[in-house]
């Protein structure tokens, strides 16, 4: 009787393993797991990039704060970006030959 119960145990175990294998292949469990892992790695890369960008932003904000108290720096920045000149200045445009 014990051997008969033992045989049914092994048959049930094999049927269960077979069913789980079919289920895993049908729903592509391994592919979903690989996608989850690659998404998780991409998330970590993006988080480290976000930290770098936030540090750069902080550095640029400190640089901008430095402009607030220095009118010469503000004037130089405006003049270099917009092309403004003072009344008594002469501007020379030099074209370099190619």
C-alpha atoms as a PDB file:
ATOM      1  CA  UNK A   1       0.000   0.000   0.000  1.00  0.00           C
ATOM      2  CA  UNK A   2       2.874   2.339   0.770  1.00  0.00           C
ATOM      3  CA  UNK A   3       4.394   1.769  -2.669  1.00  0.00           C
ATOM      4  CA  UNK A   4       1.054   2.541  -4.339  1.00  0.00           C
ATOM      5  CA  UNK A   5       0.752   5.852  -2.453  1.00  0.00           C
ATOM      6  CA  UNK A   6       4.384   6.599  -3.240  1.00  0.00           C
ATOM      7  CA  UNK A   7       3.735   6.077  -6.976  1.00  0.00           C
ATOM      8  CA  UNK A   8       0.725   8.408  -6.912  1.00  0.00           C
ATOM      9  CA  UNK A   9       2.855  10.987  -5.160  1.00  0.00           C
ATOM     10  CA  UNK A  10       5.482  10.900  -7.928  1.00  0.00           C
ATOM     11  CA  UNK A  11       2.848  10.958 -10.666  1.00  0.00           C
ATOM     12  CA  UNK A  12       1.131  13.961  -9.071  1.00  0.00           C
ATOM     13  CA  UNK A  13       4.475  15.708  -8.663  1.00  0.00           C
ATOM     14  CA  UNK A  14       5.381  15.152 -12.332  1.00  0.00           C
ATOM     15  CA  UNK A  15       1.958  16.371 -13.477  1.00  0.00           C
ATOM     16  CA  UNK A  16       2.335  19.490 -11.331  1.00  0.00           C
ATOM     17  CA  UNK A  17       5.840  20.200 -12.668  1.00  0.00           C
ATOM     18  CA  UNK A  18       4.604  19.694 -16.231  1.00  0.00           C
ATOM     19  CA  UNK A  19       1.675  22.020 -15.631  1.00  0.00           C
ATOM     20  CA  UNK A  20       3.901  24.709 -14.162  1.00  0.00           C
ATOM     21  CA  UNK A  21       6.287  24.390 -17.119  1.00  0.00           C
ATOM     22  CA  UNK A  22       3.456  24.788 -19.627  1.00  0.00           C
ATOM     23  CA  UNK A  23       2.078  27.733 -17.657  1.00  0.00           C
ATOM     24  CA  UNK A  24       5.495  29.444 -17.536  1.00  0.00           C
ATOM     25  CA  UNK A  25       6.034  28.986 -21.266  1.00  0.00           C
ATOM     26  CA  UNK A  26       2.508  30.104 -22.180  1.00  0.00           C
ATOM     27  CA  UNK A  27       2.743  33.352 -20.217  1.00  0.00           C
ATOM     28  CA  UNK A  28       6.463  33.861 -21.047  1.00  0.00           C
ATOM     29  CA  UNK A  29       7.433  34.175 -17.394  1.00  0.00           C
ATOM     30  CA  UNK A  30      11.178  34.135 -18.128  1.00  0.00           C
ATOM     31  CA  UNK A  31      10.851  36.880 -20.760  1.00  0.00           C
ATOM     32  CA  UNK A  32       8.852  39.006 -18.359  1.00  0.00           C
ATOM     33  CA  UNK A  33      11.492  38.491 -15.687  1.00  0.00           C
ATOM     34  CA  UNK A  34      14.280  39.513 -18.091  1.00  0.00           C
ATOM     35  CA  UNK A  35      12.300  42.626 -19.046  1.00  0.00           C
ATOM     36  CA  UNK A  36      11.843  43.469 -15.391  1.00  0.00           C
ATOM     37  CA  UNK A  37      15.585  43.109 -14.745  1.00  0.00           C
ATOM     38  CA  UNK A  38      16.599  45.269 -17.712  1.00  0.00           C
ATOM     39  CA  UNK A  39      14.008  47.881 -16.735  1.00  0.00           C
ATOM     40  CA  UNK A  40      15.378  47.884 -13.218  1.00  0.00           C
ATOM     41  CA  UNK A  41      18.929  48.403 -14.512  1.00  0.00           C
ATOM     42  CA  UNK A  42      17.758  51.238 -16.767  1.00  0.00           C
ATOM     43  CA  UNK A  43      16.018  52.817 -13.789  1.00  0.00           C
ATOM     44  CA  UNK A  44      19.275  52.770 -11.809  1.00  0.00           C
ATOM     45  CA  UNK A  45      21.176  54.376 -14.714  1.00  0.00           C
ATOM     46  CA  UNK A  46      18.543  57.091 -15.022  1.00  0.00           C
ATOM     47  CA  UNK A  47      18.608  57.738 -11.278  1.00  0.00           C
ATOM     48  CA  UNK A  48      22.382  58.214 -11.337  1.00  0.00           C
ATOM     49  CA  UNK A  49      22.029  60.533 -14.354  1.00  0.00           C
ATOM     50  CA  UNK A  50      19.349  62.478 -12.467  1.00  0.00           C
ATOM     51  CA  UNK A  51      21.754  62.988  -9.560  1.00  0.00           C
ATOM     52  CA  UNK A  52      24.411  64.289 -11.976  1.00  0.00           C
ATOM     53  CA  UNK A  53      21.937  66.696 -13.583  1.00  0.00           C
ATOM     54  CA  UNK A  54      20.771  67.955 -10.188  1.00  0.00           C
ATOM     55  CA  UNK A  55      24.383  68.616  -9.179  1.00  0.00           C
ATOM     56  CA  UNK A  56      24.965  70.504 -12.436  1.00  0.00           C
ATOM     57  CA  UNK A  57      21.782  72.490 -11.827  1.00  0.00           C
ATOM     58  CA  UNK A  58      22.976  73.394  -8.331  1.00  0.00           C
ATOM     59  CA  UNK A  59      26.333  74.513  -9.719  1.00  0.00           C
ATOM     60  CA  UNK A  60      24.650  76.667 -12.364  1.00  0.00           C
ATOM     61  CA  UNK A  61      22.316  78.206  -9.787  1.00  0.00           C
ATOM     62  CA  UNK A  62      25.338  79.172  -7.668  1.00  0.00           C
ATOM     63  CA  UNK A  63      26.902  80.720 -10.767  1.00  0.00           C
ATOM     64  CA  UNK A  64      23.717  82.686 -11.459  1.00  0.00           C
ATOM     65  CA  UNK A  65      23.551  83.860  -7.846  1.00  0.00           C
ATOM     66  CA  UNK A  66      27.035  85.318  -8.365  1.00  0.00           C
ATOM     67  CA  UNK A  67      25.609  87.625 -11.048  1.00  0.00           C
ATOM     68  CA  UNK A  68      23.177  89.284  -8.647  1.00  0.00           C
ATOM     69  CA  UNK A  69      25.735  91.318  -6.752  1.00  0.00           C
ATOM     70  CA  UNK A  70      28.130  92.204  -9.593  1.00  0.00           C
ATOM     71  CA  UNK A  71      26.837  94.733 -12.149  1.00  0.00           C
ATOM     72  CA  UNK A  72      29.969  94.433 -14.318  1.00  0.00           C
ATOM     73  CA  UNK A  73      29.435  90.709 -14.726  1.00  0.00           C
ATOM     74  CA  UNK A  74      25.786  91.276 -15.608  1.00  0.00           C
ATOM     75  CA  UNK A  75      26.719  93.912 -18.161  1.00  0.00           C
ATOM     76  CA  UNK A  76      29.407  91.704 -19.711  1.00  0.00           C
ATOM     77  CA  UNK A  77      26.993  88.801 -20.006  1.00  0.00           C
ATOM     78  CA  UNK A  78      24.306  90.955 -21.622  1.00  0.00           C
ATOM     79  CA  UNK A  79      26.725  92.576 -24.034  1.00  0.00           C
ATOM     80  CA  UNK A  80      28.266  89.295 -25.119  1.00  0.00           C
ATOM     81  CA  UNK A  81      24.925  87.616 -25.795  1.00  0.00           C
ATOM     82  CA  UNK A  82      22.950  90.481 -27.359  1.00  0.00           C
ATOM     83  CA  UNK A  83      25.677  92.490 -29.085  1.00  0.00           C
ATOM     84  CA  UNK A  84      24.961  95.794 -27.313  1.00  0.00           C
ATOM     85  CA  UNK A  85      27.694  98.471 -27.344  1.00  0.00           C
ATOM     86  CA  UNK A  86      28.241 101.715 -25.467  1.00  0.00           C
ATOM     87  CA  UNK A  87      27.901 105.089 -27.186  1.00  0.00           C
ATOM     88  CA  UNK A  88      31.624 105.839 -27.374  1.00  0.00           C
ATOM     89  CA  UNK A  89      32.706 102.324 -28.385  1.00  0.00           C
ATOM     90  CA  UNK A  90      33.814 101.304 -31.835  1.00  0.00           C
ATOM     91  CA  UNK A  91      33.116  97.772 -32.946  1.00  0.00           C
ATOM     92  CA  UNK A  92      35.403  96.118 -35.454  1.00  0.00           C
ATOM     93  CA  UNK A  93      34.118  93.110 -37.340  1.00  0.00           C
ATOM     94  CA  UNK A  94      36.932  90.978 -38.655  1.00  0.00           C
ATOM     95  CA  UNK A  95      36.238  88.231 -41.136  1.00  0.00           C
ATOM     96  CA  UNK A  96      38.882  85.586 -41.277  1.00  0.00           C
ATOM     97  CA  UNK A  97      39.686  84.043 -44.640  1.00  0.00           C
ATOM     98  CA  UNK A  98      38.804  80.416 -44.998  1.00  0.00           C
END
